[in-house]
PDB file of N, CA and C in Angstrom:
ATOM      1  N   MET A   1      44.906-162.847 306.448  1.00  0.00           N
ATOM      2  CA  MET A   1      45.029-164.436 305.682  1.00  0.00           C
ATOM      3  C   MET A   1      44.699-163.995 304.496  1.00  0.00           C
ATOM      4  N   PHE A   2      45.412-164.610 303.644  1.00  0.00           N
ATOM      5  CA  PHE A   2      45.306-164.749 302.172  1.00  0.00           C
ATOM      6  C   PHE A   2      45.068-166.022 301.618  1.00  0.00           C
ATOM      7  N   ILE A   3      43.906-166.293 300.570  1.00  0.00           N
ATOM      8  CA  ILE A   3      43.614-167.390 299.831  1.00  0.00           C
ATOM      9  C   ILE A   3      43.968-167.217 298.616  1.00  0.00           C
ATOM     10  N   ALA A   4      44.547-168.231 297.803  1.00  0.00           N
ATOM     11  CA  ALA A   4      44.814-168.458 296.483  1.00  0.00           C
ATOM     12  C   ALA A   4      43.832-169.713 295.979  1.00  0.00           C
ATOM     13  N   ILE A   5      43.067-169.682 295.143  1.00  0.00           N
ATOM     14  CA  ILE A   5      42.195-170.812 294.309  1.00  0.00           C
ATOM     15  C   ILE A   5      42.740-171.195 293.222  1.00  0.00           C
ATOM     16  N   TYR A   6      43.365-172.315 293.088  1.00  0.00           N
ATOM     17  CA  TYR A   6      43.671-172.937 291.723  1.00  0.00           C
ATOM     18  C   TYR A   6      42.953-174.055 291.061  1.00  0.00           C
ATOM     19  N   GLU A   7      42.890-173.968 289.988  1.00  0.00           N
ATOM     20  CA  GLU A   7      41.999-175.082 289.166  1.00  0.00           C
ATOM     21  C   GLU A   7      43.071-175.763 288.242  1.00  0.00           C
ATOM     22  N   PHE A   8      43.062-176.910 288.125  1.00  0.00           N
ATOM     23  CA  PHE A   8      43.722-178.036 287.600  1.00  0.00           C
ATOM     24  C   PHE A   8      43.096-178.926 286.536  1.00  0.00           C
ATOM     25  N   GLN A   9      43.449-178.915 285.203  1.00  0.00           N
ATOM     26  CA  GLN A   9      42.962-179.645 284.362  1.00  0.00           C
ATOM     27  C   GLN A   9      44.117-180.871 284.212  1.00  0.00           C
ATOM     28  N   VAL A  10      43.750-182.166 284.652  1.00  0.00           N
ATOM     29  CA  VAL A  10      44.498-183.169 284.699  1.00  0.00           C
ATOM     30  C   VAL A  10      44.433-184.072 283.454  1.00  0.00           C
ATOM     31  N   LYS A  11      45.687-184.522 282.888  1.00  0.00           N
ATOM     32  CA  LYS A  11      45.837-185.330 281.673  1.00  0.00           C
ATOM     33  C   LYS A  11      44.863-186.604 282.054  1.00  0.00           C
ATOM     34  N   SER A  12      44.057-187.253 281.000  1.00  0.00           N
ATOM     35  CA  SER A  12      43.431-188.556 281.550  1.00  0.00           C
ATOM     36  C   SER A  12      44.317-189.525 281.714  1.00  0.00           C
ATOM     37  N   GLY A  13      44.003-190.378 282.979  1.00  0.00           N
ATOM     38  CA  GLY A  13      44.990-191.192 283.338  1.00  0.00           C
ATOM     39  C   GLY A  13      46.023-190.929 284.352  1.00  0.00           C
ATOM     40  N   SER A  14      46.144-189.465 284.718  1.00  0.00           N
ATOM     41  CA  SER A  14      47.025-189.015 285.130  1.00  0.00           C
ATOM     42  C   SER A  14      47.000-188.774 286.750  1.00  0.00           C
ATOM     43  N   GLU A  15      45.599-188.815 287.045  1.00  0.00           N
ATOM     44  CA  GLU A  15      45.345-188.428 288.344  1.00  0.00           C
ATOM     45  C   GLU A  15      45.924-188.741 289.605  1.00  0.00           C
ATOM     46  N   ASP A  16      46.106-190.275 289.774  1.00  0.00           N
ATOM     47  CA  ASP A  16      47.066-190.582 290.910  1.00  0.00           C
ATOM     48  C   ASP A  16      48.415-189.871 290.795  1.00  0.00           C
ATOM     49  N   SER A  17      48.851-189.947 289.783  1.00  0.00           N
ATOM     50  CA  SER A  17      50.279-189.159 289.709  1.00  0.00           C
ATOM     51  C   SER A  17      50.333-187.543 290.191  1.00  0.00           C
ATOM     52  N   PHE A  18      49.113-186.987 289.606  1.00  0.00           N
ATOM     53  CA  PHE A  18      48.907-185.568 289.828  1.00  0.00           C
ATOM     54  C   PHE A  18      48.670-185.424 291.404  1.00  0.00           C
ATOM     55  N   ARG A  19      47.834-186.458 291.887  1.00  0.00           N
ATOM     56  CA  ARG A  19      47.445-186.290 293.524  1.00  0.00           C
ATOM     57  C   ARG A  19      48.740-186.549 294.204  1.00  0.00           C
ATOM     58  N   GLU A  20      49.732-187.301 294.032  1.00  0.00           N
ATOM     59  CA  GLU A  20      50.748-187.629 294.624  1.00  0.00           C
ATOM     60  C   GLU A  20      51.648-186.495 294.464  1.00  0.00           C
ATOM     61  N   SER A  21      52.087-185.918 293.338  1.00  0.00           N
ATOM     62  CA  SER A  21      52.988-184.797 292.994  1.00  0.00           C
ATOM     63  C   SER A  21      52.610-183.442 293.882  1.00  0.00           C
ATOM     64  N   TRP A  22      51.257-183.405 293.860  1.00  0.00           N
ATOM     65  CA  TRP A  22      50.555-182.093 294.144  1.00  0.00           C
ATOM     66  C   TRP A  22      50.870-182.073 295.849  1.00  0.00           C
ATOM     67  N   SER A  23      50.589-183.259 296.387  1.00  0.00           N
ATOM     68  CA  SER A  23      51.033-183.445 297.825  1.00  0.00           C
ATOM     69  C   SER A  23      52.276-183.386 298.267  1.00  0.00           C
ATOM     70  N   LYS A  24      53.136-183.755 297.345  1.00  0.00           N
ATOM     71  CA  LYS A  24      54.760-183.465 297.759  1.00  0.00           C
ATOM     72  C   LYS A  24      54.708-182.169 297.679  1.00  0.00           C
ATOM     73  N   LEU A  25      54.430-181.397 296.650  1.00  0.00           N
ATOM     74  CA  LEU A  25      54.837-180.144 296.435  1.00  0.00           C
ATOM     75  C   LEU A  25      54.252-179.317 297.548  1.00  0.00           C
ATOM     76  N   THR A  26      52.910-179.347 297.797  1.00  0.00           N
ATOM     77  CA  THR A  26      52.287-178.617 298.811  1.00  0.00           C
ATOM     78  C   THR A  26      52.956-178.745 300.191  1.00  0.00           C
ATOM     79  N   HIS A  27      53.598-179.931 300.494  1.00  0.00           N
ATOM     80  CA  HIS A  27      54.415-180.077 301.736  1.00  0.00           C
ATOM     81  C   HIS A  27      55.558-179.442 301.598  1.00  0.00           C
ATOM     82  N   CYS A  28      56.145-179.511 300.627  1.00  0.00           N
ATOM     83  CA  CYS A  28      57.578-178.633 300.249  1.00  0.00           C
ATOM     84  C   CYS A  28      57.323-177.056 300.767  1.00  0.00           C
ATOM     85  N   ILE A  29      56.368-176.698 299.990  1.00  0.00           N
ATOM     86  CA  ILE A  29      55.763-175.335 300.141  1.00  0.00           C
ATOM     87  C   ILE A  29      55.458-174.914 301.327  1.00  0.00           C
ATOM     88  N   PHE A  30      54.787-175.783 302.290  1.00  0.00           N
ATOM     89  CA  PHE A  30      54.454-175.383 303.733  1.00  0.00           C
ATOM     90  C   PHE A  30      55.726-175.643 304.429  1.00  0.00           C
ATOM     91  N   GLN A  31      56.566-176.520 304.032  1.00  0.00           N
ATOM     92  CA  GLN A  31      57.786-176.398 304.968  1.00  0.00           C
ATOM     93  C   GLN A  31      58.904-175.357 304.771  1.00  0.00           C
ATOM     94  N   GLN A  32      59.005-174.814 303.212  1.00  0.00           N
ATOM     95  CA  GLN A  32      59.796-174.092 303.182  1.00  0.00           C
ATOM     96  C   GLN A  32      59.561-172.680 302.815  1.00  0.00           C
ATOM     97  N   ASN A  33      58.515-172.406 302.612  1.00  0.00           N
ATOM     98  CA  ASN A  33      57.740-170.817 302.157  1.00  0.00           C
ATOM     99  C   ASN A  33      56.908-170.638 303.067  1.00  0.00           C
ATOM    100  N   GLY A  34      56.482-171.017 304.137  1.00  0.00           N
ATOM    101  CA  GLY A  34      55.647-170.465 305.095  1.00  0.00           C
ATOM    102  C   GLY A  34      53.924-170.481 304.675  1.00  0.00           C
ATOM    103  N   SER A  35      53.662-171.369 303.863  1.00  0.00           N
ATOM    104  CA  SER A  35      52.076-171.525 303.598  1.00  0.00           C
ATOM    105  C   SER A  35      51.590-171.970 304.907  1.00  0.00           C
ATOM    106  N   LEU A  36      50.233-171.842 304.793  1.00  0.00           N
ATOM    107  CA  LEU A  36      49.551-172.415 306.078  1.00  0.00           C
ATOM    108  C   LEU A  36      48.675-173.737 305.686  1.00  0.00           C
ATOM    109  N   GLY A  37      49.034-174.374 304.535  1.00  0.00           N
ATOM    110  CA  GLY A  37      48.688-175.471 303.804  1.00  0.00           C
ATOM    111  C   GLY A  37      47.437-175.297 302.774  1.00  0.00           C
ATOM    112  N   SER A  38      47.104-176.250 302.349  1.00  0.00           N
ATOM    113  CA  SER A  38      46.227-176.363 301.128  1.00  0.00           C
ATOM    114  C   SER A  38      45.216-177.632 301.208  1.00  0.00           C
ATOM    115  N   ARG A  39      44.253-177.768 300.681  1.00  0.00           N
ATOM    116  CA  ARG A  39      43.214-178.585 300.383  1.00  0.00           C
ATOM    117  C   ARG A  39      42.979-178.777 298.969  1.00  0.00           C
ATOM    118  N   LEU A  40      43.036-180.114 298.536  1.00  0.00           N
ATOM    119  CA  LEU A  40      42.542-180.244 297.340  1.00  0.00           C
ATOM    120  C   LEU A  40      41.217-181.001 297.110  1.00  0.00           C
ATOM    121  N   HIS A  41      40.392-180.395 296.060  1.00  0.00           N
ATOM    122  CA  HIS A  41      39.013-181.001 295.951  1.00  0.00           C
ATOM    123  C   HIS A  41      39.015-181.462 294.468  1.00  0.00           C
ATOM    124  N   LYS A  42      38.213-182.583 294.480  1.00  0.00           N
ATOM    125  CA  LYS A  42      37.867-183.020 292.857  1.00  0.00           C
ATOM    126  C   LYS A  42      36.784-182.375 292.432  1.00  0.00           C
ATOM    127  N   GLN A  43      36.689-181.654 291.195  1.00  0.00           N
ATOM    128  CA  GLN A  43      35.293-181.183 290.645  1.00  0.00           C
ATOM    129  C   GLN A  43      34.837-182.109 289.911  1.00  0.00           C
ATOM    130  N   ASP A  44      35.589-183.179 288.950  1.00  0.00           N
ATOM    131  CA  ASP A  44      34.914-183.956 287.867  1.00  0.00           C
ATOM    132  C   ASP A  44      35.983-184.805 287.593  1.00  0.00           C
ATOM    133  N   GLU A  45      36.011-185.699 286.439  1.00  0.00           N
ATOM    134  CA  GLU A  45      36.849-186.741 286.420  1.00  0.00           C
ATOM    135  C   GLU A  45      38.219-186.108 285.956  1.00  0.00           C
ATOM    136  N   ASP A  46      38.425-184.920 285.432  1.00  0.00           N
ATOM    137  CA  ASP A  46      39.825-184.468 285.268  1.00  0.00           C
ATOM    138  C   ASP A  46      40.106-183.238 285.725  1.00  0.00           C
ATOM    139  N   ARG A  47      39.262-182.428 286.519  1.00  0.00           N
ATOM    140  CA  ARG A  47      39.285-181.363 287.176  1.00  0.00           C
ATOM    141  C   ARG A  47      39.636-181.244 288.642  1.00  0.00           C
ATOM    142  N   PHE A  48      40.554-180.654 289.202  1.00  0.00           N
ATOM    143  CA  PHE A  48      40.703-180.246 290.645  1.00  0.00           C
ATOM    144  C   PHE A  48      40.822-179.004 290.969  1.00  0.00           C
ATOM    145  N   VAL A  49      40.501-178.632 292.111  1.00  0.00           N
ATOM    146  CA  VAL A  49      40.497-177.319 292.639  1.00  0.00           C
ATOM    147  C   VAL A  49      41.060-177.407 294.072  1.00  0.00           C
ATOM    148  N   ALA A  50      42.158-176.511 294.184  1.00  0.00           N
ATOM    149  CA  ALA A  50      42.959-176.423 295.486  1.00  0.00           C
ATOM    150  C   ALA A  50      42.776-175.274 296.098  1.00  0.00           C
ATOM    151  N   TYR A  51      42.663-175.082 297.522  1.00  0.00           N
ATOM    152  CA  TYR A  51      42.339-173.691 298.224  1.00  0.00           C
ATOM    153  C   TYR A  51      43.637-173.626 299.101  1.00  0.00           C
ATOM    154  N   ALA A  52      44.631-172.736 299.000  1.00  0.00           N
ATOM    155  CA  ALA A  52      45.817-172.500 299.663  1.00  0.00           C
ATOM    156  C   ALA A  52      45.687-171.253 300.719  1.00  0.00           C
ATOM    157  N   GLN A  53      46.065-171.494 301.819  1.00  0.00           N
ATOM    158  CA  GLN A  53      46.066-170.411 302.782  1.00  0.00           C
ATOM    159  C   GLN A  53      47.484-169.907 303.086  1.00  0.00           C
ATOM    160  N   TRP A  54      47.712-168.426 303.143  1.00  0.00           N
ATOM    161  CA  TRP A  54      48.826-167.697 303.449  1.00  0.00           C
ATOM    162  C   TRP A  54      48.615-166.876 304.573  1.00  0.00           C
ATOM    163  N   PRO A  55      49.453-166.564 305.311  1.00  0.00           N
ATOM    164  CA  PRO A  55      49.409-165.488 306.400  1.00  0.00           C
ATOM    165  C   PRO A  55      48.839-164.306 305.847  1.00  0.00           C
ATOM    166  N   ASP A  56      49.362-163.732 304.463  1.00  0.00           N
ATOM    167  CA  ASP A  56      49.266-162.772 303.950  1.00  0.00           C
ATOM    168  C   ASP A  56      49.648-162.728 302.424  1.00  0.00           C
ATOM    169  N   ARG A  57      48.885-161.829 301.681  1.00  0.00           N
ATOM    170  CA  ARG A  57      49.495-161.696 300.316  1.00  0.00           C
ATOM    171  C   ARG A  57      51.018-161.768 300.016  1.00  0.00           C
ATOM    172  N   GLN A  58      51.733-161.093 300.779  1.00  0.00           N
ATOM    173  CA  GLN A  58      52.883-160.750 300.462  1.00  0.00           C
ATOM    174  C   GLN A  58      53.790-162.024 300.674  1.00  0.00           C
ATOM    175  N   SER A  59      53.468-162.691 301.658  1.00  0.00           N
ATOM    176  CA  SER A  59      54.053-164.162 301.932  1.00  0.00           C
ATOM    177  C   SER A  59      54.027-165.106 300.639  1.00  0.00           C
ATOM    178  N   TRP A  60      52.641-165.005 300.185  1.00  0.00           N
ATOM    179  CA  TRP A  60      52.287-165.901 298.875  1.00  0.00           C
ATOM    180  C   TRP A  60      53.094-165.472 297.569  1.00  0.00           C
ATOM    181  N   GLU A  61      53.148-164.090 297.572  1.00  0.00           N
ATOM    182  CA  GLU A  61      54.030-163.458 296.442  1.00  0.00           C
ATOM    183  C   GLU A  61      55.471-163.613 296.685  1.00  0.00           C
ATOM    184  N   SER A  62      56.031-163.597 297.761  1.00  0.00           N
ATOM    185  CA  SER A  62      57.465-163.704 297.832  1.00  0.00           C
ATOM    186  C   SER A  62      57.950-165.083 297.687  1.00  0.00           C
ATOM    187  N   SER A  63      56.724-166.065 297.985  1.00  0.00           N
ATOM    188  CA  SER A  63      56.908-167.648 297.993  1.00  0.00           C
ATOM    189  C   SER A  63      57.511-168.096 296.559  1.00  0.00           C
ATOM    190  N   ARG A  64      56.797-167.374 295.463  1.00  0.00           N
ATOM    191  CA  ARG A  64      56.955-167.524 294.083  1.00  0.00           C
ATOM    192  C   ARG A  64      58.673-167.052 293.754  1.00  0.00           C
ATOM    193  N   GLU A  65      59.011-166.084 294.356  1.00  0.00           N
ATOM    194  CA  GLU A  65      60.433-165.550 294.134  1.00  0.00           C
ATOM    195  C   GLU A  65      61.585-166.512 294.972  1.00  0.00           C
ATOM    196  N   LYS A  66      61.226-166.870 296.067  1.00  0.00           N
ATOM    197  CA  LYS A  66      61.971-167.843 296.780  1.00  0.00           C
ATOM    198  C   LYS A  66      62.517-168.775 296.154  1.00  0.00           C
ATOM    199  N   GLY A  67      61.352-169.764 295.470  1.00  0.00           N
ATOM    200  CA  GLY A  67      61.721-170.879 294.877  1.00  0.00           C
ATOM    201  C   GLY A  67      61.612-171.964 296.086  1.00  0.00           C
ATOM    202  N   LEU A  68      62.264-173.242 295.397  1.00  0.00           N
ATOM    203  CA  LEU A  68      61.896-174.238 296.555  1.00  0.00           C
ATOM    204  C   LEU A  68      63.303-175.138 296.396  1.00  0.00           C
ATOM    205  N   ASN A  69      63.602-175.890 297.378  1.00  0.00           N
ATOM    206  CA  ASN A  69      64.885-176.713 297.231  1.00  0.00           C
ATOM    207  C   ASN A  69      64.514-177.989 296.050  1.00  0.00           C
ATOM    208  N   GLU A  70      65.560-178.886 295.876  1.00  0.00           N
ATOM    209  CA  GLU A  70      65.550-179.557 294.802  1.00  0.00           C
ATOM    210  C   GLU A  70      64.417-180.512 294.678  1.00  0.00           C
ATOM    211  N   GLU A  71      64.161-181.107 296.121  1.00  0.00           N
ATOM    212  CA  GLU A  71      62.798-181.883 296.064  1.00  0.00           C
ATOM    213  C   GLU A  71      61.574-181.424 295.682  1.00  0.00           C
ATOM    214  N   GLY A  72      61.354-179.943 296.116  1.00  0.00           N
ATOM    215  CA  GLY A  72      60.242-179.209 295.733  1.00  0.00           C
ATOM    216  C   GLY A  72      60.017-179.051 294.177  1.00  0.00           C
ATOM    217  N   GLU A  73      61.288-178.617 293.564  1.00  0.00           N
ATOM    218  CA  GLU A  73      61.390-178.556 292.373  1.00  0.00           C
ATOM    219  C   GLU A  73      60.815-179.630 291.450  1.00  0.00           C
ATOM    220  N   ILE A  74      61.575-180.783 292.005  1.00  0.00           N
ATOM    221  CA  ILE A  74      61.314-182.109 291.370  1.00  0.00           C
ATOM    222  C   ILE A  74      59.637-182.437 291.232  1.00  0.00           C
ATOM    223  N   ALA A  75      59.201-182.076 292.585  1.00  0.00           N
ATOM    224  CA  ALA A  75      57.696-182.243 292.783  1.00  0.00           C
ATOM    225  C   ALA A  75      56.653-181.369 291.677  1.00  0.00           C
ATOM    226  N   ARG A  76      57.319-179.992 291.679  1.00  0.00           N
ATOM    227  CA  ARG A  76      56.714-179.105 290.817  1.00  0.00           C
ATOM    228  C   ARG A  76      56.570-179.639 289.433  1.00  0.00           C
ATOM    229  N   ARG A  77      58.035-180.150 288.919  1.00  0.00           N
ATOM    230  CA  ARG A  77      57.793-180.480 287.423  1.00  0.00           C
ATOM    231  C   ARG A  77      57.148-181.698 287.121  1.00  0.00           C
ATOM    232  N   GLN A  78      57.216-182.864 288.276  1.00  0.00           N
ATOM    233  CA  GLN A  78      56.342-183.945 288.092  1.00  0.00           C
ATOM    234  C   GLN A  78      54.624-183.545 288.150  1.00  0.00           C
ATOM    235  N   MET A  79      54.311-182.485 288.748  1.00  0.00           N
ATOM    236  CA  MET A  79      53.099-182.293 288.867  1.00  0.00           C
ATOM    237  C   MET A  79      52.611-181.757 287.529  1.00  0.00           C
ATOM    238  N   TRP A  80      53.376-180.788 287.055  1.00  0.00           N
ATOM    239  CA  TRP A  80      53.199-180.059 285.751  1.00  0.00           C
ATOM    240  C   TRP A  80      53.008-181.051 284.474  1.00  0.00           C
ATOM    241  N   GLU A  81      53.785-182.284 284.764  1.00  0.00           N
ATOM    242  CA  GLU A  81      53.783-183.331 283.747  1.00  0.00           C
ATOM    243  C   GLU A  81      52.483-183.839 283.737  1.00  0.00           C
ATOM    244  N   THR A  82      51.810-184.028 284.667  1.00  0.00           N
ATOM    245  CA  THR A  82      50.270-184.500 284.664  1.00  0.00           C
ATOM    246  C   THR A  82      49.203-183.487 284.121  1.00  0.00           C
ATOM    247  N   LEU A  83      49.487-182.224 284.139  1.00  0.00           N
ATOM    248  CA  LEU A  83      48.307-181.266 283.528  1.00  0.00           C
ATOM    249  C   LEU A  83      48.130-180.856 282.122  1.00  0.00           C
ATOM    250  N   GLU A  84      47.135-180.738 281.948  1.00  0.00           N
ATOM    251  CA  GLU A  84      46.591-180.195 280.573  1.00  0.00           C
ATOM    252  C   GLU A  84      46.784-178.543 280.765  1.00  0.00           C
ATOM    253  N   ALA A  85      46.284-178.046 281.852  1.00  0.00           N
ATOM    254  CA  ALA A  85      46.121-176.893 282.371  1.00  0.00           C
ATOM    255  C   ALA A  85      46.066-176.470 283.653  1.00  0.00           C
ATOM    256  N   ALA A  86      46.485-175.352 283.906  1.00  0.00           N
ATOM    257  CA  ALA A  86      46.191-174.728 285.307  1.00  0.00           C
ATOM    258  C   ALA A  86      46.143-173.298 285.456  1.00  0.00           C
ATOM    259  N   SER A  87      45.327-172.728 286.574  1.00  0.00           N
ATOM    260  CA  SER A  87      45.297-171.532 286.562  1.00  0.00           C
ATOM    261  C   SER A  87      44.887-171.094 288.092  1.00  0.00           C
ATOM    262  N   THR A  88      45.447-169.901 288.303  1.00  0.00           N
ATOM    263  CA  THR A  88      45.000-169.229 289.373  1.00  0.00           C
ATOM    264  C   THR A  88      43.651-168.821 289.374  1.00  0.00           C
ATOM    265  N   VAL A  89      42.524-169.240 289.883  1.00  0.00           N
ATOM    266  CA  VAL A  89      41.367-168.548 289.842  1.00  0.00           C
ATOM    267  C   VAL A  89      41.002-167.427 290.666  1.00  0.00           C
ATOM    268  N   TYR A  90      41.310-167.626 291.854  1.00  0.00           N
ATOM    269  CA  TYR A  90      40.881-166.360 292.709  1.00  0.00           C
ATOM    270  C   TYR A  90      42.239-166.129 293.627  1.00  0.00           C
ATOM    271  N   GLU A  91      42.357-164.733 293.878  1.00  0.00           N
ATOM    272  CA  GLU A  91      43.462-164.438 294.868  1.00  0.00           C
ATOM    273  C   GLU A  91      42.480-163.363 296.079  1.00  0.00           C
ATOM    274  N   LEU A  92      42.121-163.983 296.999  1.00  0.00           N
ATOM    275  CA  LEU A  92      41.328-163.553 298.092  1.00  0.00           C
ATOM    276  C   LEU A  92      41.952-163.172 299.149  1.00  0.00           C
ATOM    277  N   ASP A  93      41.636-161.903 299.904  1.00  0.00           N
ATOM    278  CA  ASP A  93      41.957-161.222 301.087  1.00  0.00           C
ATOM    279  C   ASP A  93      40.969-161.652 302.100  1.00  0.00           C
ATOM    280  N   LEU A  94      41.237-162.108 303.465  1.00  0.00           N
ATOM    281  CA  LEU A  94      39.947-162.613 304.207  1.00  0.00           C
ATOM    282  C   LEU A  94      39.691-161.605 305.000  1.00  0.00           C
ATOM    283  N   VAL A  95      38.276-161.275 304.890  1.00  0.00           N
ATOM    284  CA  VAL A  95      37.657-160.295 305.670  1.00  0.00           C
ATOM    285  C   VAL A  95      36.684-160.615 306.837  1.00  0.00           C
ATOM    286  N   ASP A  96      36.330-161.827 306.864  1.00  0.00           N
ATOM    287  CA  ASP A  96      35.391-162.465 308.023  1.00  0.00           C
ATOM    288  C   ASP A  96      35.876-164.058 307.926  1.00  0.00           C
ATOM    289  N   ASP A  97      35.802-164.546 309.239  1.00  0.00           N
ATOM    290  CA  ASP A  97      36.096-166.177 309.229  1.00  0.00           C
ATOM    291  C   ASP A  97      35.388-166.656 310.495  1.00  0.00           C
ATOM    292  N   TYR A  98      34.399-167.471 309.866  1.00  0.00           N
ATOM    293  CA  TYR A  98      33.773-168.305 310.978  1.00  0.00           C
ATOM    294  C   TYR A  98      33.947-169.712 310.504  1.00  0.00           C
ATOM    295  N   LEU A  99      35.078-170.255 309.993  1.00  0.00           N
ATOM    296  CA  LEU A  99      35.341-171.695 309.556  1.00  0.00           C
ATOM    297  C   LEU A  99      35.732-172.324 310.967  1.00  0.00           C
ATOM    298  N   GLN A 100      35.078-173.619 311.483  1.00  0.00           N
ATOM    299  CA  GLN A 100      35.414-174.025 312.499  1.00  0.00           C
ATOM    300  C   GLN A 100      35.878-175.482 312.554  1.00  0.00           C
ATOM    301  N   GLN A 101      36.658-175.810 313.425  1.00  0.00           N
ATOM    302  CA  GLN A 101      37.341-177.182 313.559  1.00  0.00           C
ATOM    303  C   GLN A 101      37.055-177.862 314.599  1.00  0.00           C
ATOM    304  N   HIS A 102      36.379-179.156 314.704  1.00  0.00           N
ATOM    305  CA  HIS A 102      35.958-179.662 315.856  1.00  0.00           C
ATOM    306  C   HIS A 102      37.135-180.769 316.104  1.00  0.00           C
ATOM    307  N   ILE A 103      37.194-180.500 317.531  1.00  0.00           N
ATOM    308  CA  ILE A 103      38.396-181.376 318.076  1.00  0.00           C
ATOM    309  C   ILE A 103      37.762-182.811 318.567  1.00  0.00           C
ATOM    310  N   CYS A 104      38.201-184.042 318.001  1.00  0.00           N
ATOM    311  CA  CYS A 104      37.636-185.323 318.601  1.00  0.00           C
ATOM    312  C   CYS A 104      38.588-185.972 319.523  1.00  0.00           C
ATOM    313  N   MET A 105      37.951-186.394 320.492  1.00  0.00           N
ATOM    314  CA  MET A 105      38.714-187.234 321.515  1.00  0.00           C
ATOM    315  C   MET A 105      38.352-188.319 321.744  1.00  0.00           C
TER     316      MET A 105
END
């Protein structure tokens, strides 16, 4: 498994638009490019951190080359319009995993 961690600095007043477009873009990447999904965290007023999982580094890298359909590209443009800055903070290969998920019934 491969993990990419991103940091986003959102323009003041654009937080809701950012979250909406991030969600649409993340869904498109999941559906079209084989990611395992992502989580978005709020760091402070205008900073967010996302944790994206991929089967492996090659899948993540080839995703950028593959691109997205029109819906995905629109979501990407909309997200970038809400940002002051964005960066990939870490590119991580998983070595041990003990993250558990509870199943509620």
